[in-house]
Amino acid sequence: MRHYEIMFIVKPTLSEEAIKATADNFKNVLEKLEATVTNVDEWGQRSLAYDIKKGSETFKSGYYYVYEVDANSHEAIKEFDRLARISPDIIRHLIIKKED
């Protein structure tokens, strides 16, 4: 089993319900592909180290989430990465494979 840490930033212009729905949607993507989300850490809204431009918007802050994930194959992680890249609601994401 492989262990991962996934951090992603949701854009702050969404409503509170939409931010939560975005995070839950990405959690469901992992779980549908047989990965287990062992811990969800919601950091809340924080300032970014630098402005991030996504589309026509520029962001100075975002809602941070950190997921700890266990997966038998890398398919769930690849799908999360693919969807996070094309999602208009995710500003940035980072996937780290943790050593055993």
N, C-alpha and C. Protein backbone atom coordinates (compact mmCIF):
# COMPACT_ATOMS: atom_id res chain seq x y z
N MET A 1 0.85 -1.18 0.00
CA MET A 1 0.00 0.00 0.00
C MET A 1 0.89 1.24 0.00
N ARG A 2 0.51 2.20 -0.81
CA ARG A 2 1.25 3.46 -0.90
C ARG A 2 0.53 4.53 -0.09
N HIS A 3 1.30 5.42 0.51
CA HIS A 3 0.75 6.50 1.32
C HIS A 3 1.06 7.83 0.64
N TYR A 4 0.06 8.69 0.57
CA TYR A 4 0.20 9.98 -0.09
C TYR A 4 -0.33 11.08 0.82
N GLU A 5 0.19 12.28 0.58
CA GLU A 5 -0.36 13.48 1.19
C GLU A 5 -0.72 14.42 0.04
N ILE A 6 -1.97 14.83 0.01
CA ILE A 6 -2.46 15.70 -1.05
C ILE A 6 -2.90 17.02 -0.43
N MET A 7 -2.32 18.11 -0.89
CA MET A 7 -2.71 19.43 -0.44
C MET A 7 -3.30 20.14 -1.66
N PHE A 8 -4.45 20.79 -1.47
CA PHE A 8 -5.02 21.58 -2.55
C PHE A 8 -5.65 22.83 -2.00
N ILE A 9 -5.73 23.84 -2.84
CA ILE A 9 -6.25 25.15 -2.46
C ILE A 9 -7.47 25.44 -3.33
N VAL A 10 -8.59 25.69 -2.66
CA VAL A 10 -9.85 26.02 -3.34
C VAL A 10 -9.97 27.54 -3.39
N LYS A 11 -10.44 28.04 -4.51
CA LYS A 11 -10.52 29.50 -4.65
C LYS A 11 -11.51 30.12 -3.66
N PRO A 12 -11.17 31.28 -3.12
CA PRO A 12 -11.95 31.88 -2.03
C PRO A 12 -13.22 32.59 -2.48
N THR A 13 -13.42 32.74 -3.76
CA THR A 13 -14.59 33.46 -4.25
C THR A 13 -15.85 32.60 -4.25
N LEU A 14 -15.71 31.31 -3.96
CA LEU A 14 -16.87 30.42 -3.89
C LEU A 14 -17.60 30.60 -2.57
N SER A 15 -18.85 30.20 -2.54
CA SER A 15 -19.60 30.21 -1.28
C SER A 15 -19.06 29.11 -0.37
N GLU A 16 -19.38 29.20 0.90
CA GLU A 16 -18.91 28.21 1.87
C GLU A 16 -19.40 26.81 1.50
N GLU A 17 -20.63 26.71 1.03
CA GLU A 17 -21.18 25.41 0.63
C GLU A 17 -20.46 24.86 -0.59
N ALA A 18 -20.14 25.73 -1.54
CA ALA A 18 -19.45 25.30 -2.75
C ALA A 18 -18.02 24.86 -2.45
N ILE A 19 -17.36 25.51 -1.51
CA ILE A 19 -16.01 25.12 -1.12
C ILE A 19 -16.05 23.73 -0.50
N LYS A 20 -17.00 23.50 0.39
CA LYS A 20 -17.14 22.19 1.04
C LYS A 20 -17.50 21.12 0.01
N ALA A 21 -18.39 21.46 -0.93
CA ALA A 21 -18.79 20.52 -1.98
C ALA A 21 -17.62 20.15 -2.88
N THR A 22 -16.76 21.12 -3.18
CA THR A 22 -15.58 20.85 -4.00
C THR A 22 -14.65 19.87 -3.29
N ALA A 23 -14.39 20.11 -2.01
CA ALA A 23 -13.53 19.23 -1.23
C ALA A 23 -14.13 17.83 -1.14
N ASP A 24 -15.42 17.74 -0.90
CA ASP A 24 -16.09 16.43 -0.80
C ASP A 24 -16.08 15.70 -2.14
N ASN A 25 -16.24 16.43 -3.22
CA ASN A 25 -16.21 15.84 -4.55
C ASN A 25 -14.85 15.18 -4.82
N PHE A 26 -13.78 15.87 -4.48
CA PHE A 26 -12.44 15.31 -4.71
C PHE A 26 -12.16 14.13 -3.77
N LYS A 27 -12.71 14.16 -2.59
CA LYS A 27 -12.59 13.01 -1.68
C LYS A 27 -13.32 11.81 -2.28
N ASN A 28 -14.51 12.04 -2.83
CA ASN A 28 -15.28 10.96 -3.46
C ASN A 28 -14.57 10.37 -4.67
N VAL A 29 -13.87 11.20 -5.42
CA VAL A 29 -13.10 10.71 -6.57
C VAL A 29 -12.07 9.68 -6.11
N LEU A 30 -11.37 9.99 -5.04
CA LEU A 30 -10.37 9.07 -4.50
C LEU A 30 -11.02 7.78 -4.01
N GLU A 31 -12.11 7.91 -3.28
CA GLU A 31 -12.76 6.73 -2.69
C GLU A 31 -13.41 5.84 -3.74
N LYS A 32 -13.93 6.41 -4.83
CA LYS A 32 -14.52 5.61 -5.90
C LYS A 32 -13.48 4.74 -6.60
N LEU A 33 -12.24 5.19 -6.58
CA LEU A 33 -11.16 4.44 -7.21
C LEU A 33 -10.36 3.64 -6.18
N GLU A 34 -11.03 3.30 -5.09
CA GLU A 34 -10.53 2.38 -4.07
C GLU A 34 -9.32 2.89 -3.29
N ALA A 35 -9.21 4.19 -3.14
CA ALA A 35 -8.21 4.77 -2.24
C ALA A 35 -8.94 5.11 -0.93
N THR A 36 -8.21 5.09 0.16
CA THR A 36 -8.79 5.38 1.46
C THR A 36 -8.25 6.71 1.96
N VAL A 37 -9.13 7.65 2.24
CA VAL A 37 -8.73 8.93 2.81
C VAL A 37 -8.70 8.73 4.32
N THR A 38 -7.49 8.67 4.89
CA THR A 38 -7.34 8.36 6.31
C THR A 38 -7.47 9.58 7.20
N ASN A 39 -7.20 10.77 6.65
CA ASN A 39 -7.31 11.98 7.45
C ASN A 39 -7.62 13.16 6.53
N VAL A 40 -8.53 14.01 6.97
CA VAL A 40 -8.85 15.25 6.27
C VAL A 40 -8.53 16.39 7.22
N ASP A 41 -7.66 17.27 6.78
CA ASP A 41 -7.27 18.42 7.59
C ASP A 41 -7.66 19.69 6.85
N GLU A 42 -8.66 20.38 7.36
CA GLU A 42 -9.13 21.62 6.74
C GLU A 42 -8.46 22.79 7.45
N TRP A 43 -7.59 23.50 6.74
CA TRP A 43 -6.86 24.61 7.33
C TRP A 43 -7.64 25.92 7.29
N GLY A 44 -8.65 25.99 6.46
CA GLY A 44 -9.41 27.23 6.33
C GLY A 44 -8.76 28.19 5.36
N GLN A 45 -9.22 29.43 5.39
CA GLN A 45 -8.71 30.43 4.46
C GLN A 45 -7.41 31.00 4.98
N ARG A 46 -6.41 31.02 4.09
CA ARG A 46 -5.10 31.57 4.42
C ARG A 46 -4.59 32.40 3.26
N SER A 47 -3.71 33.33 3.60
CA SER A 47 -3.08 34.15 2.56
C SER A 47 -2.07 33.30 1.80
N LEU A 48 -1.96 33.57 0.52
CA LEU A 48 -0.97 32.89 -0.31
C LEU A 48 0.37 33.60 -0.21
N ALA A 49 1.45 32.90 -0.43
CA ALA A 49 2.78 33.49 -0.39
C ALA A 49 2.97 34.49 -1.53
N TYR A 50 2.29 34.23 -2.64
CA TYR A 50 2.33 35.13 -3.79
C TYR A 50 0.99 35.04 -4.51
N ASP A 51 0.67 36.05 -5.29
CA ASP A 51 -0.59 36.05 -6.03
C ASP A 51 -0.57 34.93 -7.07
N ILE A 52 -1.71 34.26 -7.21
CA ILE A 52 -1.84 33.19 -8.20
C ILE A 52 -2.93 33.59 -9.18
N LYS A 53 -2.59 33.55 -10.46
CA LYS A 53 -3.55 33.88 -11.50
C LYS A 53 -4.08 32.58 -12.09
N LYS A 54 -5.40 32.44 -12.10
CA LYS A 54 -6.04 31.28 -12.71
C LYS A 54 -7.15 31.81 -13.59
N GLY A 55 -7.02 31.60 -14.86
CA GLY A 55 -7.99 32.15 -15.81
C GLY A 55 -7.88 33.66 -15.82
N SER A 56 -8.99 34.33 -15.64
CA SER A 56 -8.98 35.79 -15.64
C SER A 56 -8.93 36.37 -14.24
N GLU A 57 -8.86 35.49 -13.20
CA GLU A 57 -8.86 35.94 -11.82
C GLU A 57 -7.47 35.84 -11.20
N THR A 58 -7.20 36.72 -10.25
CA THR A 58 -5.97 36.68 -9.47
C THR A 58 -6.35 36.53 -8.01
N PHE A 59 -5.70 35.57 -7.34
CA PHE A 59 -6.05 35.26 -5.96
C PHE A 59 -4.92 35.59 -5.01
N LYS A 60 -5.28 36.16 -3.86
CA LYS A 60 -4.32 36.47 -2.79
C LYS A 60 -4.49 35.53 -1.60
N SER A 61 -5.58 34.75 -1.60
CA SER A 61 -5.83 33.80 -0.53
C SER A 61 -6.60 32.61 -1.10
N GLY A 62 -6.75 31.57 -0.28
CA GLY A 62 -7.49 30.39 -0.70
C GLY A 62 -7.79 29.51 0.49
N TYR A 63 -8.68 28.55 0.29
CA TYR A 63 -9.04 27.59 1.33
C TYR A 63 -8.19 26.34 1.17
N TYR A 64 -7.41 26.04 2.20
CA TYR A 64 -6.47 24.93 2.15
C TYR A 64 -7.08 23.65 2.71
N TYR A 65 -6.82 22.54 2.04
CA TYR A 65 -7.20 21.21 2.50
C TYR A 65 -6.00 20.29 2.36
N VAL A 66 -5.83 19.38 3.33
CA VAL A 66 -4.78 18.37 3.25
C VAL A 66 -5.45 17.02 3.49
N TYR A 67 -5.25 16.10 2.54
CA TYR A 67 -5.77 14.74 2.66
C TYR A 67 -4.59 13.79 2.82
N GLU A 68 -4.70 12.86 3.75
CA GLU A 68 -3.76 11.74 3.83
C GLU A 68 -4.49 10.56 3.21
N VAL A 69 -3.83 9.91 2.25
CA VAL A 69 -4.49 8.90 1.44
C VAL A 69 -3.65 7.64 1.39
N ASP A 70 -4.31 6.49 1.51
CA ASP A 70 -3.68 5.19 1.28
C ASP A 70 -4.29 4.61 0.02
N ALA A 71 -3.44 4.15 -0.90
CA ALA A 71 -3.93 3.60 -2.16
C ALA A 71 -3.10 2.39 -2.56
N ASN A 72 -3.79 1.36 -3.07
CA ASN A 72 -3.09 0.17 -3.55
C ASN A 72 -2.49 0.39 -4.93
N SER A 73 -3.13 1.21 -5.74
CA SER A 73 -2.59 1.53 -7.06
C SER A 73 -2.55 3.06 -7.20
N HIS A 74 -1.86 3.50 -8.20
CA HIS A 74 -1.72 4.94 -8.40
C HIS A 74 -2.83 5.52 -9.28
N GLU A 75 -3.80 4.71 -9.68
CA GLU A 75 -4.87 5.19 -10.56
C GLU A 75 -5.71 6.29 -9.90
N ALA A 76 -6.02 6.14 -8.63
CA ALA A 76 -6.82 7.15 -7.93
C ALA A 76 -6.07 8.47 -7.85
N ILE A 77 -4.78 8.39 -7.59
CA ILE A 77 -3.95 9.59 -7.48
C ILE A 77 -3.83 10.27 -8.84
N LYS A 78 -3.65 9.49 -9.89
CA LYS A 78 -3.57 10.05 -11.24
C LYS A 78 -4.87 10.75 -11.63
N GLU A 79 -6.00 10.15 -11.27
CA GLU A 79 -7.29 10.75 -11.60
C GLU A 79 -7.52 12.04 -10.81
N PHE A 80 -7.13 12.04 -9.51
CA PHE A 80 -7.23 13.26 -8.71
C PHE A 80 -6.39 14.36 -9.36
N ASP A 81 -5.17 14.04 -9.74
CA ASP A 81 -4.28 15.01 -10.37
C ASP A 81 -4.89 15.56 -11.66
N ARG A 82 -5.43 14.68 -12.47
CA ARG A 82 -6.04 15.10 -13.75
C ARG A 82 -7.21 16.05 -13.51
N LEU A 83 -8.08 15.68 -12.60
CA LEU A 83 -9.26 16.50 -12.33
C LEU A 83 -8.90 17.83 -11.66
N ALA A 84 -7.91 17.82 -10.77
CA ALA A 84 -7.49 19.05 -10.11
C ALA A 84 -6.88 20.03 -11.11
N ARG A 85 -6.19 19.52 -12.11
CA ARG A 85 -5.59 20.39 -13.13
C ARG A 85 -6.65 21.12 -13.96
N ILE A 86 -7.76 20.45 -14.23
CA ILE A 86 -8.77 21.06 -15.11
C ILE A 86 -9.90 21.73 -14.34
N SER A 87 -9.94 21.55 -13.03
CA SER A 87 -11.02 22.14 -12.24
C SER A 87 -10.86 23.65 -12.14
N PRO A 88 -11.92 24.41 -12.42
CA PRO A 88 -11.82 25.86 -12.27
C PRO A 88 -11.84 26.30 -10.80
N ASP A 89 -12.18 25.39 -9.88
CA ASP A 89 -12.30 25.74 -8.47
C ASP A 89 -11.04 25.47 -7.66
N ILE A 90 -10.08 24.74 -8.22
CA ILE A 90 -8.82 24.44 -7.53
C ILE A 90 -7.74 25.39 -8.07
N ILE A 91 -7.14 26.16 -7.17
CA ILE A 91 -6.09 27.10 -7.58
C ILE A 91 -4.77 26.36 -7.78
N ARG A 92 -4.38 25.55 -6.80
CA ARG A 92 -3.13 24.79 -6.85
C ARG A 92 -3.35 23.48 -6.11
N HIS A 93 -2.54 22.47 -6.45
CA HIS A 93 -2.55 21.22 -5.69
C HIS A 93 -1.14 20.63 -5.71
N LEU A 94 -0.89 19.80 -4.72
CA LEU A 94 0.42 19.15 -4.60
C LEU A 94 0.19 17.75 -4.06
N ILE A 95 0.80 16.77 -4.70
CA ILE A 95 0.68 15.37 -4.28
C ILE A 95 2.08 14.88 -3.90
N ILE A 96 2.20 14.37 -2.68
CA ILE A 96 3.49 13.88 -2.19
C ILE A 96 3.33 12.41 -1.82
N LYS A 97 4.22 11.57 -2.33
CA LYS A 97 4.24 10.17 -1.92
C LYS A 97 5.09 10.09 -0.67
N LYS A 98 4.50 9.60 0.41
CA LYS A 98 5.20 9.51 1.68
C LYS A 98 5.96 8.20 1.76
N GLU A 99 7.13 8.25 2.36
CA GLU A 99 7.93 7.05 2.55
C GLU A 99 7.31 6.19 3.65
N ASP A 100 7.43 4.90 3.52
CA ASP A 100 6.89 3.98 4.54
C ASP A 100 7.75 3.94 5.77
